[in-house]
Amino acid sequence: MGRTDARELRGFDVRRQGTAVIGLPESVVEQIHALRESYGVDLADMEPSLRLFADKVLPRL
């Protein structure tokens, strides 16, 4: 499996691409590490989105 440019991931089906992150915390950490490696994304690039999700989405669930 080659690397995919993260900028090309807009509008994709996460179920089909296998990029949904689901499970226990330990499993989620492993999955995120694998996705970062596959897509070449640095944590610094992901952090703003993760913080926005935690601050704006989770409280509304």
PDB file of N, CA and C in Angstrom:
ATOM      1  N   MET A   1       0.846  -1.180   0.000  1.00  0.00           N
ATOM      2  CA  MET A   1       0.000   0.000   0.000  1.00  0.00           C
ATOM      3  C   MET A   1       0.883   1.233   0.000  1.00  0.00           C
ATOM      4  N   GLY A   2       0.724   2.092  -0.982  1.00  0.00           N
ATOM      5  CA  GLY A   2       1.513   3.317  -1.054  1.00  0.00           C
ATOM      6  C   GLY A   2       0.913   4.419  -0.200  1.00  0.00           C
ATOM      7  N   ARG A   3       1.679   5.465  -0.062  1.00  0.00           N
ATOM      8  CA  ARG A   3       1.203   6.616   0.699  1.00  0.00           C
ATOM      9  C   ARG A   3       0.158   7.372  -0.108  1.00  0.00           C
ATOM     10  N   THR A   4      -0.801   7.939   0.612  1.00  0.00           N
ATOM     11  CA  THR A   4      -1.828   8.768   0.015  1.00  0.00           C
ATOM     12  C   THR A   4      -1.650  10.186   0.539  1.00  0.00           C
ATOM     13  N   ASP A   5      -1.732  11.152  -0.330  1.00  0.00           N
ATOM     14  CA  ASP A   5      -1.639  12.542   0.082  1.00  0.00           C
ATOM     15  C   ASP A   5      -2.902  12.894   0.852  1.00  0.00           C
ATOM     16  N   ALA A   6      -2.763  13.355   2.095  1.00  0.00           N
ATOM     17  CA  ALA A   6      -3.904  13.664   2.952  1.00  0.00           C
ATOM     18  C   ALA A   6      -4.808  14.718   2.330  1.00  0.00           C
ATOM     19  N   ARG A   7      -4.274  15.573   1.486  1.00  0.00           N
ATOM     20  CA  ARG A   7      -5.100  16.607   0.842  1.00  0.00           C
ATOM     21  C   ARG A   7      -6.085  16.009  -0.147  1.00  0.00           C
ATOM     22  N   GLU A   8      -5.884  14.770  -0.543  1.00  0.00           N
ATOM     23  CA  GLU A   8      -6.778  14.110  -1.498  1.00  0.00           C
ATOM     24  C   GLU A   8      -7.931  13.387  -0.809  1.00  0.00           C
ATOM     25  N   LEU A   9      -8.040  13.483   0.509  1.00  0.00           N
ATOM     26  CA  LEU A   9      -9.009  12.694   1.245  1.00  0.00           C
ATOM     27  C   LEU A   9     -10.358  13.379   1.439  1.00  0.00           C
ATOM     28  N   ARG A  10     -10.579  14.533   0.877  1.00  0.00           N
ATOM     29  CA  ARG A  10     -11.858  15.225   1.032  1.00  0.00           C
ATOM     30  C   ARG A  10     -12.958  14.448   0.325  1.00  0.00           C
ATOM     31  N   GLY A  11     -14.081  14.275   1.024  1.00  0.00           N
ATOM     32  CA  GLY A  11     -15.230  13.649   0.409  1.00  0.00           C
ATOM     33  C   GLY A  11     -15.111  12.154   0.209  1.00  0.00           C
ATOM     34  N   PHE A  12     -14.200  11.515   0.889  1.00  0.00           N
ATOM     35  CA  PHE A  12     -14.048  10.077   0.697  1.00  0.00           C
ATOM     36  C   PHE A  12     -14.913   9.310   1.695  1.00  0.00           C
ATOM     37  N   ASP A  13     -15.183   8.071   1.402  1.00  0.00           N
ATOM     38  CA  ASP A  13     -15.996   7.205   2.252  1.00  0.00           C
ATOM     39  C   ASP A  13     -15.076   6.493   3.230  1.00  0.00           C
ATOM     40  N   VAL A  14     -15.118   6.881   4.515  1.00  0.00           N
ATOM     41  CA  VAL A  14     -14.187   6.315   5.492  1.00  0.00           C
ATOM     42  C   VAL A  14     -14.376   4.816   5.680  1.00  0.00           C
ATOM     43  N   ARG A  15     -15.574   4.343   5.505  1.00  0.00           N
ATOM     44  CA  ARG A  15     -15.784   2.901   5.655  1.00  0.00           C
ATOM     45  C   ARG A  15     -15.083   2.133   4.556  1.00  0.00           C
ATOM     46  N   ARG A  16     -15.160   2.633   3.352  1.00  0.00           N
ATOM     47  CA  ARG A  16     -14.532   1.961   2.215  1.00  0.00           C
ATOM     48  C   ARG A  16     -13.014   2.102   2.263  1.00  0.00           C
ATOM     49  N   GLN A  17     -12.526   3.261   2.693  1.00  0.00           N
ATOM     50  CA  GLN A  17     -11.089   3.517   2.752  1.00  0.00           C
ATOM     51  C   GLN A  17     -10.439   2.898   3.982  1.00  0.00           C
ATOM     52  N   GLY A  18     -11.243   2.467   4.966  1.00  0.00           N
ATOM     53  CA  GLY A  18     -10.680   1.865   6.169  1.00  0.00           C
ATOM     54  C   GLY A  18     -10.017   2.889   7.081  1.00  0.00           C
ATOM     55  N   THR A  19     -10.512   4.115   7.065  1.00  0.00           N
ATOM     56  CA  THR A  19      -9.899   5.146   7.889  1.00  0.00           C
ATOM     57  C   THR A  19     -10.784   5.605   9.035  1.00  0.00           C
ATOM     58  N   ALA A  20     -11.874   4.918   9.291  1.00  0.00           N
ATOM     59  CA  ALA A  20     -12.653   5.187  10.496  1.00  0.00           C
ATOM     60  C   ALA A  20     -11.848   4.658  11.682  1.00  0.00           C
ATOM     61  N   VAL A  21     -11.808   5.425  12.747  1.00  0.00           N
ATOM     62  CA  VAL A  21     -11.037   5.038  13.932  1.00  0.00           C
ATOM     63  C   VAL A  21     -12.028   4.730  15.041  1.00  0.00           C
ATOM     64  N   ILE A  22     -12.120   3.436  15.379  1.00  0.00           N
ATOM     65  CA  ILE A  22     -13.120   2.970  16.333  1.00  0.00           C
ATOM     66  C   ILE A  22     -12.479   1.947  17.258  1.00  0.00           C
ATOM     67  N   GLY A  23     -12.820   1.992  18.547  1.00  0.00           N
ATOM     68  CA  GLY A  23     -12.346   0.968  19.463  1.00  0.00           C
ATOM     69  C   GLY A  23     -11.948   1.515  20.811  1.00  0.00           C
ATOM     70  N   LEU A  24     -11.311   0.673  21.592  1.00  0.00           N
ATOM     71  CA  LEU A  24     -10.803   1.065  22.898  1.00  0.00           C
ATOM     72  C   LEU A  24      -9.626   2.028  22.726  1.00  0.00           C
ATOM     73  N   PRO A  25      -9.321   2.829  23.740  1.00  0.00           N
ATOM     74  CA  PRO A  25      -8.239   3.811  23.608  1.00  0.00           C
ATOM     75  C   PRO A  25      -6.941   3.247  23.053  1.00  0.00           C
ATOM     76  N   GLU A  26      -6.528   2.085  23.520  1.00  0.00           N
ATOM     77  CA  GLU A  26      -5.271   1.508  23.046  1.00  0.00           C
ATOM     78  C   GLU A  26      -5.333   1.212  21.556  1.00  0.00           C
ATOM     79  N   SER A  27      -6.476   0.690  21.117  1.00  0.00           N
ATOM     80  CA  SER A  27      -6.666   0.366  19.715  1.00  0.00           C
ATOM     81  C   SER A  27      -6.716   1.631  18.867  1.00  0.00           C
ATOM     82  N   VAL A  28      -7.383   2.673  19.365  1.00  0.00           N
ATOM     83  CA  VAL A  28      -7.483   3.930  18.631  1.00  0.00           C
ATOM     84  C   VAL A  28      -6.096   4.547  18.448  1.00  0.00           C
ATOM     85  N   VAL A  29      -5.275   4.509  19.486  1.00  0.00           N
ATOM     86  CA  VAL A  29      -3.907   5.041  19.387  1.00  0.00           C
ATOM     87  C   VAL A  29      -3.142   4.297  18.302  1.00  0.00           C
ATOM     88  N   GLU A  30      -3.230   2.972  18.300  1.00  0.00           N
ATOM     89  CA  GLU A  30      -2.542   2.176  17.286  1.00  0.00           C
ATOM     90  C   GLU A  30      -3.043   2.514  15.885  1.00  0.00           C
ATOM     91  N   GLN A  31      -4.360   2.665  15.735  1.00  0.00           N
ATOM     92  CA  GLN A  31      -4.944   2.983  14.434  1.00  0.00           C
ATOM     93  C   GLN A  31      -4.489   4.360  13.940  1.00  0.00           C
ATOM     94  N   ILE A  32      -4.446   5.343  14.847  1.00  0.00           N
ATOM     95  CA  ILE A  32      -4.010   6.682  14.460  1.00  0.00           C
ATOM     96  C   ILE A  32      -2.544   6.672  14.055  1.00  0.00           C
ATOM     97  N   HIS A  33      -1.714   5.931  14.783  1.00  0.00           N
ATOM     98  CA  HIS A  33      -0.301   5.815  14.388  1.00  0.00           C
ATOM     99  C   HIS A  33      -0.192   5.214  12.981  1.00  0.00           C
ATOM    100  N   ALA A  34      -0.979   4.192  12.699  1.00  0.00           N
ATOM    101  CA  ALA A  34      -0.938   3.556  11.377  1.00  0.00           C
ATOM    102  C   ALA A  34      -1.416   4.519  10.292  1.00  0.00           C
ATOM    103  N   LEU A  35      -2.468   5.276  10.563  1.00  0.00           N
ATOM    104  CA  LEU A  35      -2.970   6.240   9.586  1.00  0.00           C
ATOM    105  C   LEU A  35      -1.955   7.353   9.337  1.00  0.00           C
ATOM    106  N   ARG A  36      -1.317   7.820  10.403  1.00  0.00           N
ATOM    107  CA  ARG A  36      -0.292   8.864  10.249  1.00  0.00           C
ATOM    108  C   ARG A  36       0.827   8.372   9.352  1.00  0.00           C
ATOM    109  N   GLU A  37       1.239   7.132   9.562  1.00  0.00           N
ATOM    110  CA  GLU A  37       2.314   6.560   8.747  1.00  0.00           C
ATOM    111  C   GLU A  37       1.860   6.385   7.294  1.00  0.00           C
ATOM    112  N   SER A  38       0.654   5.872   7.100  1.00  0.00           N
ATOM    113  CA  SER A  38       0.148   5.628   5.749  1.00  0.00           C
ATOM    114  C   SER A  38      -0.024   6.904   4.951  1.00  0.00           C
ATOM    115  N   TYR A  39      -0.514   7.951   5.604  1.00  0.00           N
ATOM    116  CA  TYR A  39      -0.833   9.183   4.892  1.00  0.00           C
ATOM    117  C   TYR A  39       0.231  10.260   5.049  1.00  0.00           C
ATOM    118  N   GLY A  40       1.265   9.994   5.827  1.00  0.00           N
ATOM    119  CA  GLY A  40       2.346  10.959   5.979  1.00  0.00           C
ATOM    120  C   GLY A  40       1.939  12.236   6.679  1.00  0.00           C
ATOM    121  N   VAL A  41       1.056  12.122   7.678  1.00  0.00           N
ATOM    122  CA  VAL A  41       0.561  13.294   8.393  1.00  0.00           C
ATOM    123  C   VAL A  41       1.273  13.408   9.733  1.00  0.00           C
ATOM    124  N   ASP A  42       1.785  14.586  10.027  1.00  0.00           N
ATOM    125  CA  ASP A  42       2.414  14.838  11.325  1.00  0.00           C
ATOM    126  C   ASP A  42       1.344  15.128  12.378  1.00  0.00           C
ATOM    127  N   LEU A  43       1.646  14.810  13.613  1.00  0.00           N
ATOM    128  CA  LEU A  43       0.718  15.103  14.699  1.00  0.00           C
ATOM    129  C   LEU A  43       0.422  16.596  14.752  1.00  0.00           C
ATOM    130  N   ALA A  44       1.408  17.427  14.484  1.00  0.00           N
ATOM    131  CA  ALA A  44       1.203  18.876  14.495  1.00  0.00           C
ATOM    132  C   ALA A  44       0.139  19.285  13.471  1.00  0.00           C
ATOM    133  N   ASP A  45       0.048  18.558  12.363  1.00  0.00           N
ATOM    134  CA  ASP A  45      -0.976  18.843  11.356  1.00  0.00           C
ATOM    135  C   ASP A  45      -2.358  18.381  11.815  1.00  0.00           C
ATOM    136  N   MET A  46      -2.399  17.304  12.589  1.00  0.00           N
ATOM    137  CA  MET A  46      -3.659  16.738  13.052  1.00  0.00           C
ATOM    138  C   MET A  46      -4.210  17.437  14.294  1.00  0.00           C
ATOM    139  N   GLU A  47      -3.334  17.977  15.104  1.00  0.00           N
ATOM    140  CA  GLU A  47      -3.740  18.491  16.412  1.00  0.00           C
ATOM    141  C   GLU A  47      -4.860  19.532  16.358  1.00  0.00           C
ATOM    142  N   PRO A  48      -4.810  20.518  15.480  1.00  0.00           N
ATOM    143  CA  PRO A  48      -5.917  21.487  15.463  1.00  0.00           C
ATOM    144  C   PRO A  48      -7.277  20.834  15.201  1.00  0.00           C
ATOM    145  N   SER A  49      -7.318  19.876  14.293  1.00  0.00           N
ATOM    146  CA  SER A  49      -8.582  19.189  14.004  1.00  0.00           C
ATOM    147  C   SER A  49      -9.040  18.352  15.187  1.00  0.00           C
ATOM    148  N   LEU A  50      -8.103  17.669  15.834  1.00  0.00           N
ATOM    149  CA  LEU A  50      -8.459  16.858  16.997  1.00  0.00           C
ATOM    150  C   LEU A  50      -8.973  17.732  18.141  1.00  0.00           C
ATOM    151  N   ARG A  51      -8.323  18.861  18.370  1.00  0.00           N
ATOM    152  CA  ARG A  51      -8.776  19.783  19.427  1.00  0.00           C
ATOM    153  C   ARG A  51     -10.151  20.365  19.099  1.00  0.00           C
ATOM    154  N   LEU A  52     -10.373  20.730  17.842  1.00  0.00           N
ATOM    155  CA  LEU A  52     -11.663  21.249  17.429  1.00  0.00           C
ATOM    156  C   LEU A  52     -12.756  20.204  17.638  1.00  0.00           C
ATOM    157  N   PHE A  53     -12.462  18.964  17.292  1.00  0.00           N
ATOM    158  CA  PHE A  53     -13.415  17.876  17.515  1.00  0.00           C
ATOM    159  C   PHE A  53     -13.728  17.734  19.000  1.00  0.00           C
ATOM    160  N   ALA A  54     -12.673  17.732  19.824  1.00  0.00           N
ATOM    161  CA  ALA A  54     -12.869  17.573  21.274  1.00  0.00           C
ATOM    162  C   ALA A  54     -13.632  18.749  21.871  1.00  0.00           C
ATOM    163  N   ASP A  55     -13.353  19.944  21.407  1.00  0.00           N
ATOM    164  CA  ASP A  55     -13.973  21.139  21.990  1.00  0.00           C
ATOM    165  C   ASP A  55     -15.378  21.411  21.477  1.00  0.00           C
ATOM    166  N   LYS A  56     -15.642  21.151  20.198  1.00  0.00           N
ATOM    167  CA  LYS A  56     -16.907  21.553  19.587  1.00  0.00           C
ATOM    168  C   LYS A  56     -17.867  20.407  19.275  1.00  0.00           C
ATOM    169  N   VAL A  57     -17.335  19.223  19.021  1.00  0.00           N
ATOM    170  CA  VAL A  57     -18.200  18.108  18.637  1.00  0.00           C
ATOM    171  C   VAL A  57     -18.578  17.256  19.839  1.00  0.00           C
ATOM    172  N   LEU A  58     -17.606  16.778  20.579  1.00  0.00           N
ATOM    173  CA  LEU A  58     -17.899  15.887  21.709  1.00  0.00           C
ATOM    174  C   LEU A  58     -18.897  16.447  22.693  1.00  0.00           C
ATOM    175  N   PRO A  59     -18.808  17.712  23.081  1.00  0.00           N
ATOM    176  CA  PRO A  59     -19.784  18.233  24.042  1.00  0.00           C
ATOM    177  C   PRO A  59     -21.234  18.203  23.528  1.00  0.00           C
ATOM    178  N   ARG A  60     -21.402  18.137  22.223  1.00  0.00           N
ATOM    179  CA  ARG A  60     -22.750  18.151  21.645  1.00  0.00           C
ATOM    180  C   ARG A  60     -23.316  16.759  21.426  1.00  0.00           C
ATOM    181  N   LEU A  61     -22.547  15.724  21.733  1.00  0.00           N
ATOM    182  CA  LEU A  61     -23.031  14.348  21.545  1.00  0.00           C
ATOM    183  C   LEU A  61     -23.778  13.872  22.768  1.00  0.00           C
TER     184      LEU A  61
END
